[in-house]
C-alpha atoms as a PDB file:
ATOM      1  CA  UNK A   1     -31.834 -25.061 -38.317  1.00  0.00           C
ATOM      2  CA  UNK A   2     -33.406 -21.721 -37.447  1.00  0.00           C
ATOM      3  CA  UNK A   3     -32.884 -19.838 -34.179  1.00  0.00           C
ATOM      4  CA  UNK A   4     -36.066 -19.198 -32.231  1.00  0.00           C
ATOM      5  CA  UNK A   5     -36.819 -15.823 -30.604  1.00  0.00           C
ATOM      6  CA  UNK A   6     -36.364 -17.451 -27.176  1.00  0.00           C
ATOM      7  CA  UNK A   7     -32.874 -18.673 -28.091  1.00  0.00           C
ATOM      8  CA  UNK A   8     -31.988 -15.204 -29.376  1.00  0.00           C
ATOM      9  CA  UNK A   9     -33.200 -13.687 -26.108  1.00  0.00           C
ATOM     10  CA  UNK A  10     -31.182 -16.234 -24.076  1.00  0.00           C
ATOM     11  CA  UNK A  11     -28.005 -15.473 -26.023  1.00  0.00           C
ATOM     12  CA  UNK A  12     -28.487 -11.761 -25.424  1.00  0.00           C
ATOM     13  CA  UNK A  13     -28.958 -12.339 -21.685  1.00  0.00           C
ATOM     14  CA  UNK A  14     -25.807 -14.525 -21.520  1.00  0.00           C
ATOM     15  CA  UNK A  15     -23.831 -11.910 -23.471  1.00  0.00           C
ATOM     16  CA  UNK A  16     -24.962  -9.132 -21.112  1.00  0.00           C
ATOM     17  CA  UNK A  17     -24.163 -11.294 -18.061  1.00  0.00           C
ATOM     18  CA  UNK A  18     -20.624 -11.965 -19.344  1.00  0.00           C
ATOM     19  CA  UNK A  19     -20.044  -8.260 -20.013  1.00  0.00           C
ATOM     20  CA  UNK A  20     -21.311  -7.365 -16.517  1.00  0.00           C
ATOM     21  CA  UNK A  21     -19.023 -10.020 -14.925  1.00  0.00           C
ATOM     22  CA  UNK A  22     -15.943  -8.822 -16.827  1.00  0.00           C
ATOM     23  CA  UNK A  23     -16.733  -5.177 -16.053  1.00  0.00           C
ATOM     24  CA  UNK A  24     -17.217  -6.008 -12.359  1.00  0.00           C
ATOM     25  CA  UNK A  25     -13.896  -7.844 -12.240  1.00  0.00           C
ATOM     26  CA  UNK A  26     -12.042  -4.949 -13.901  1.00  0.00           C
ATOM     27  CA  UNK A  27     -13.796  -2.458 -11.642  1.00  0.00           C
ATOM     28  CA  UNK A  28     -12.780  -4.409  -8.533  1.00  0.00           C
ATOM     29  CA  UNK A  29      -9.104  -4.770  -9.383  1.00  0.00           C
ATOM     30  CA  UNK A  30      -8.359  -1.662 -11.421  1.00  0.00           C
ATOM     31  CA  UNK A  31     -10.707   1.047 -10.232  1.00  0.00           C
ATOM     32  CA  UNK A  32     -11.405   0.282  -6.578  1.00  0.00           C
ATOM     33  CA  UNK A  33      -7.925   1.032  -5.097  1.00  0.00           C
ATOM     34  CA  UNK A  34      -7.928   4.627  -6.414  1.00  0.00           C
ATOM     35  CA  UNK A  35     -11.578   5.098  -5.347  1.00  0.00           C
ATOM     36  CA  UNK A  36     -10.766   3.636  -1.932  1.00  0.00           C
ATOM     37  CA  UNK A  37      -7.856   6.049  -1.629  1.00  0.00           C
ATOM     38  CA  UNK A  38      -9.964   9.061  -2.640  1.00  0.00           C
ATOM     39  CA  UNK A  39     -12.738   8.059  -0.217  1.00  0.00           C
ATOM     40  CA  UNK A  40     -10.272   7.624   2.625  1.00  0.00           C
ATOM     41  CA  UNK A  41      -8.610  10.979   1.970  1.00  0.00           C
ATOM     42  CA  UNK A  42     -11.688  13.114   1.310  1.00  0.00           C
ATOM     43  CA  UNK A  43     -14.448  11.441   3.308  1.00  0.00           C
ATOM     44  CA  UNK A  44     -12.647   9.853   6.258  1.00  0.00           C
ATOM     45  CA  UNK A  45      -9.678  12.234   6.423  1.00  0.00           C
ATOM     46  CA  UNK A  46      -6.953   9.563   6.186  1.00  0.00           C
ATOM     47  CA  UNK A  47      -3.871  11.175   4.660  1.00  0.00           C
ATOM     48  CA  UNK A  48      -2.053   9.248   1.892  1.00  0.00           C
ATOM     49  CA  UNK A  49       0.795  11.590   1.146  1.00  0.00           C
ATOM     50  CA  UNK A  50       3.865   9.755  -0.048  1.00  0.00           C
ATOM     51  CA  UNK A  51       6.102  12.805   0.151  1.00  0.00           C
ATOM     52  CA  UNK A  52       9.342  12.963   2.042  1.00  0.00           C
ATOM     53  CA  UNK A  53       9.006  15.125   5.140  1.00  0.00           C
ATOM     54  CA  UNK A  54      10.660  18.515   4.845  1.00  0.00           C
ATOM     55  CA  UNK A  55      14.228  18.105   6.168  1.00  0.00           C
ATOM     56  CA  UNK A  56      14.354  21.552   7.730  1.00  0.00           C
ATOM     57  CA  UNK A  57      11.032  20.950   9.478  1.00  0.00           C
ATOM     58  CA  UNK A  58      12.222  17.603  10.897  1.00  0.00           C
ATOM     59  CA  UNK A  59      15.583  19.061  11.970  1.00  0.00           C
ATOM     60  CA  UNK A  60      13.740  21.836  13.827  1.00  0.00           C
ATOM     61  CA  UNK A  61      11.846  19.348  16.009  1.00  0.00           C
ATOM     62  CA  UNK A  62      12.948  19.307  19.620  1.00  0.00           C
ATOM     63  CA  UNK A  63      12.842  16.025  21.478  1.00  0.00           C
ATOM     64  CA  UNK A  64      10.065  15.782  24.040  1.00  0.00           C
ATOM     65  CA  UNK A  65      11.811  13.393  26.441  1.00  0.00           C
ATOM     66  CA  UNK A  66       9.045  13.779  29.021  1.00  0.00           C
ATOM     67  CA  UNK A  67       6.578  11.966  26.781  1.00  0.00           C
ATOM     68  CA  UNK A  68       6.337   8.562  25.103  1.00  0.00           C
ATOM     69  CA  UNK A  69       4.008   7.709  22.229  1.00  0.00           C
ATOM     70  CA  UNK A  70       3.396   4.117  21.155  1.00  0.00           C
ATOM     71  CA  UNK A  71       3.545   3.590  17.386  1.00  0.00           C
ATOM     72  CA  UNK A  72       1.975   0.323  16.250  1.00  0.00           C
ATOM     73  CA  UNK A  73       2.731  -1.256  12.864  1.00  0.00           C
ATOM     74  CA  UNK A  74       0.386  -3.264  10.643  1.00  0.00           C
ATOM     75  CA  UNK A  75       1.194  -4.934   7.322  1.00  0.00           C
ATOM     76  CA  UNK A  76      -1.520  -6.121   4.900  1.00  0.00           C
ATOM     77  CA  UNK A  77      -1.495  -7.571   1.408  1.00  0.00           C
ATOM     78  CA  UNK A  78      -4.296  -7.191  -1.133  1.00  0.00           C
ATOM     79  CA  UNK A  79      -5.754 -10.592  -2.100  1.00  0.00           C
ATOM     80  CA  UNK A  80      -4.542 -10.141  -5.704  1.00  0.00           C
ATOM     81  CA  UNK A  81      -0.899 -10.024  -4.558  1.00  0.00           C
ATOM     82  CA  UNK A  82       0.906 -13.265  -3.727  1.00  0.00           C
ATOM     83  CA  UNK A  83       3.229 -11.741  -1.149  1.00  0.00           C
ATOM     84  CA  UNK A  84       3.802 -12.153   2.540  1.00  0.00           C
ATOM     85  CA  UNK A  85       4.312  -8.806   4.266  1.00  0.00           C
ATOM     86  CA  UNK A  86       4.640  -7.945   7.967  1.00  0.00           C
ATOM     87  CA  UNK A  87       6.428  -5.588  10.366  1.00  0.00           C
ATOM     88  CA  UNK A  88       9.438  -6.944  12.256  1.00  0.00           C
ATOM     89  CA  UNK A  89       8.163  -5.284  15.453  1.00  0.00           C
ATOM     90  CA  UNK A  90       4.504  -4.746  16.161  1.00  0.00           C
ATOM     91  CA  UNK A  91       5.087  -1.546  18.137  1.00  0.00           C
ATOM     92  CA  UNK A  92       7.729   0.841  19.463  1.00  0.00           C
ATOM     93  CA  UNK A  93       7.585   3.607  22.034  1.00  0.00           C
ATOM     94  CA  UNK A  94       9.117   6.847  20.827  1.00  0.00           C
ATOM     95  CA  UNK A  95       9.788  10.307  22.173  1.00  0.00           C
ATOM     96  CA  UNK A  96       8.192  12.908  19.873  1.00  0.00           C
ATOM     97  CA  UNK A  97      10.868  14.745  17.905  1.00  0.00           C
ATOM     98  CA  UNK A  98      13.217  11.723  17.675  1.00  0.00           C
ATOM     99  CA  UNK A  99      13.996  10.158  14.281  1.00  0.00           C
ATOM    100  CA  UNK A 100      12.967   6.487  14.515  1.00  0.00           C
ATOM    101  CA  UNK A 101      13.470   3.533  12.181  1.00  0.00           C
ATOM    102  CA  UNK A 102      11.219   0.485  11.738  1.00  0.00           C
ATOM    103  CA  UNK A 103      11.560  -2.468   9.378  1.00  0.00           C
ATOM    104  CA  UNK A 104       9.057  -4.487   7.370  1.00  0.00           C
ATOM    105  CA  UNK A 105       9.687  -7.845   5.673  1.00  0.00           C
ATOM    106  CA  UNK A 106       8.220  -8.763   2.282  1.00  0.00           C
ATOM    107  CA  UNK A 107       8.450 -12.079   0.410  1.00  0.00           C
ATOM    108  CA  UNK A 108       7.200 -12.901  -3.078  1.00  0.00           C
ATOM    109  CA  UNK A 109       5.432 -16.279  -2.963  1.00  0.00           C
ATOM    110  CA  UNK A 110       4.542 -16.224  -6.683  1.00  0.00           C
ATOM    111  CA  UNK A 111       6.489 -18.077  -9.414  1.00  0.00           C
ATOM    112  CA  UNK A 112       7.170 -14.785 -11.255  1.00  0.00           C
ATOM    113  CA  UNK A 113       8.541 -11.344 -10.443  1.00  0.00           C
ATOM    114  CA  UNK A 114       5.902  -8.897  -9.200  1.00  0.00           C
ATOM    115  CA  UNK A 115       5.912  -5.127  -8.734  1.00  0.00           C
ATOM    116  CA  UNK A 116       3.984  -3.897  -5.698  1.00  0.00           C
ATOM    117  CA  UNK A 117       3.006  -0.526  -4.260  1.00  0.00           C
ATOM    118  CA  UNK A 118       2.375   0.124  -0.581  1.00  0.00           C
ATOM    119  CA  UNK A 119      -0.433   2.464   0.485  1.00  0.00           C
ATOM    120  CA  UNK A 120       0.052   3.874   4.001  1.00  0.00           C
ATOM    121  CA  UNK A 121      -2.495   5.083   6.490  1.00  0.00           C
ATOM    122  CA  UNK A 122      -2.315   6.522   9.995  1.00  0.00           C
ATOM    123  CA  UNK A 123      -4.872   6.076  12.766  1.00  0.00           C
ATOM    124  CA  UNK A 124      -6.336   7.976  14.458  1.00  0.00           C
ATOM    125  CA  UNK A 125      -6.931  10.215  11.444  1.00  0.00           C
ATOM    126  CA  UNK A 126      -5.909  13.455  13.116  1.00  0.00           C
ATOM    127  CA  UNK A 127      -2.517  11.952  14.059  1.00  0.00           C
ATOM    128  CA  UNK A 128      -1.580  11.837  10.356  1.00  0.00           C
ATOM    129  CA  UNK A 129      -0.888  15.583  10.500  1.00  0.00           C
ATOM    130  CA  UNK A 130       1.860  14.954  13.077  1.00  0.00           C
ATOM    131  CA  UNK A 131       3.484  11.869  11.545  1.00  0.00           C
ATOM    132  CA  UNK A 132       6.436  12.658   9.250  1.00  0.00           C
ATOM    133  CA  UNK A 133       8.149   9.997   7.111  1.00  0.00           C
ATOM    134  CA  UNK A 134      11.690  10.875   6.000  1.00  0.00           C
ATOM    135  CA  UNK A 135      12.280   7.580   4.171  1.00  0.00           C
ATOM    136  CA  UNK A 136       9.796   4.892   3.191  1.00  0.00           C
ATOM    137  CA  UNK A 137       9.466   1.928   0.844  1.00  0.00           C
ATOM    138  CA  UNK A 138       6.014   3.351   0.074  1.00  0.00           C
ATOM    139  CA  UNK A 139       7.596   6.242  -1.868  1.00  0.00           C
ATOM    140  CA  UNK A 140       8.517   3.938  -4.785  1.00  0.00           C
ATOM    141  CA  UNK A 141       7.437   0.732  -6.514  1.00  0.00           C
ATOM    142  CA  UNK A 142       8.915  -2.431  -5.012  1.00  0.00           C
ATOM    143  CA  UNK A 143       9.903  -5.287  -7.341  1.00  0.00           C
ATOM    144  CA  UNK A 144      10.481  -8.741  -5.902  1.00  0.00           C
ATOM    145  CA  UNK A 145      11.656 -11.645  -8.037  1.00  0.00           C
ATOM    146  CA  UNK A 146      10.068 -15.069  -7.606  1.00  0.00           C
ATOM    147  CA  UNK A 147      10.894 -16.321  -4.104  1.00  0.00           C
ATOM    148  CA  UNK A 148      12.767 -13.115  -3.196  1.00  0.00           C
ATOM    149  CA  UNK A 149      12.528 -11.593   0.284  1.00  0.00           C
ATOM    150  CA  UNK A 150      13.505  -8.089   1.330  1.00  0.00           C
ATOM    151  CA  UNK A 151      13.748  -5.975   4.485  1.00  0.00           C
ATOM    152  CA  UNK A 152      12.336  -2.512   3.918  1.00  0.00           C
ATOM    153  CA  UNK A 153      12.795   0.482   6.234  1.00  0.00           C
ATOM    154  CA  UNK A 154      10.578   3.354   7.168  1.00  0.00           C
ATOM    155  CA  UNK A 155      12.100   6.303   9.031  1.00  0.00           C
ATOM    156  CA  UNK A 156       9.793   8.717  10.768  1.00  0.00           C
ATOM    157  CA  UNK A 157       9.444  11.452  13.350  1.00  0.00           C
ATOM    158  CA  UNK A 158       6.379  12.128  15.471  1.00  0.00           C
ATOM    159  CA  UNK A 159       5.864  15.890  15.696  1.00  0.00           C
ATOM    160  CA  UNK A 160       6.136  17.108  19.326  1.00  0.00           C
ATOM    161  CA  UNK A 161       2.937  19.105  18.649  1.00  0.00           C
ATOM    162  CA  UNK A 162       0.965  15.828  18.565  1.00  0.00           C
ATOM    163  CA  UNK A 163      -2.080  16.450  20.816  1.00  0.00           C
ATOM    164  CA  UNK A 164      -1.449  15.242  24.368  1.00  0.00           C
ATOM    165  CA  UNK A 165      -4.503  12.974  24.377  1.00  0.00           C
ATOM    166  CA  UNK A 166      -3.022  10.841  21.537  1.00  0.00           C
ATOM    167  CA  UNK A 167      -0.824   8.330  23.297  1.00  0.00           C
ATOM    168  CA  UNK A 168      -0.942   5.640  20.626  1.00  0.00           C
ATOM    169  CA  UNK A 169      -1.072   5.686  16.840  1.00  0.00           C
ATOM    170  CA  UNK A 170      -1.007   3.021  14.144  1.00  0.00           C
ATOM    171  CA  UNK A 171       0.993   3.081  10.924  1.00  0.00           C
ATOM    172  CA  UNK A 172      -0.602   0.634   8.514  1.00  0.00           C
ATOM    173  CA  UNK A 173       0.480  -0.410   5.010  1.00  0.00           C
ATOM    174  CA  UNK A 174      -1.425  -2.369   2.396  1.00  0.00           C
ATOM    175  CA  UNK A 175       0.544  -3.692  -0.580  1.00  0.00           C
ATOM    176  CA  UNK A 176      -1.196  -3.883  -3.969  1.00  0.00           C
ATOM    177  CA  UNK A 177      -0.043  -5.563  -7.157  1.00  0.00           C
ATOM    178  CA  UNK A 178       0.945  -2.864  -9.653  1.00  0.00           C
ATOM    179  CA  UNK A 179      -0.388  -4.883 -12.578  1.00  0.00           C
ATOM    180  CA  UNK A 180       0.810  -2.527 -15.320  1.00  0.00           C
ATOM    181  CA  UNK A 181       4.381  -2.425 -13.970  1.00  0.00           C
ATOM    182  CA  UNK A 182       4.342  -6.208 -13.429  1.00  0.00           C
ATOM    183  CA  UNK A 183       3.227  -6.787 -17.049  1.00  0.00           C
ATOM    184  CA  UNK A 184       5.932  -4.384 -18.309  1.00  0.00           C
ATOM    185  CA  UNK A 185       8.521  -6.265 -16.269  1.00  0.00           C
ATOM    186  CA  UNK A 186       7.346  -9.637 -17.639  1.00  0.00           C
ATOM    187  CA  UNK A 187       7.532  -8.272 -21.204  1.00  0.00           C
ATOM    188  CA  UNK A 188      11.080  -6.949 -20.606  1.00  0.00           C
ATOM    189  CA  UNK A 189      12.189 -10.288 -19.172  1.00  0.00           C
ATOM    190  CA  UNK A 190      10.631 -12.172 -22.105  1.00  0.00           C
ATOM    191  CA  UNK A 191      12.403  -9.916 -24.613  1.00  0.00           C
ATOM    192  CA  UNK A 192      15.803 -10.540 -23.004  1.00  0.00           C
ATOM    193  CA  UNK A 193      15.438 -14.351 -22.936  1.00  0.00           C
ATOM    194  CA  UNK A 194      17.594 -16.078 -25.587  1.00  0.00           C
ATOM    195  CA  UNK A 195      15.543 -17.577 -28.387  1.00  0.00           C
ATOM    196  CA  UNK A 196      15.990 -21.305 -28.883  1.00  0.00           C
END
């Protein structure tokens, strides 16, 4: 049975469509988070620095006990990550210059261990220059076993130089599945399982 030119053309179209679908999927889950991060940092001015605040700088802050700033907390999970993630408190009022601690709860709802990374953001954008994290779960990868839950702290200081018109700011985290680390972890676990 010979293949007609129309059938050849149809096969080519299907092949191209499959390649476009696979490329779109990979683009969405592998490439978009870094592009999103770059766009946020360079176009919208949202700072994504995961560096520990300079200890000497934080120690030099003087408490501004005449002023209170409300810090709101938001926890999000990327749709590719089967976790539940939320702050324990939705907001706290802090005096600028005072070291403050907040807690977030994460639970792995998947049947396997997963490694996640949290990407922080601060709103309004200009407040990010005055928000200093001294400890944060966002500094490192977080691995949760199947069904595991964990409390995770973030310790921060609001710089007393925060502009007076900013009375409220929001610290938001979005957790993403670190697919490469999760696959490495699965391979390590498989290699340590006894062979039957």
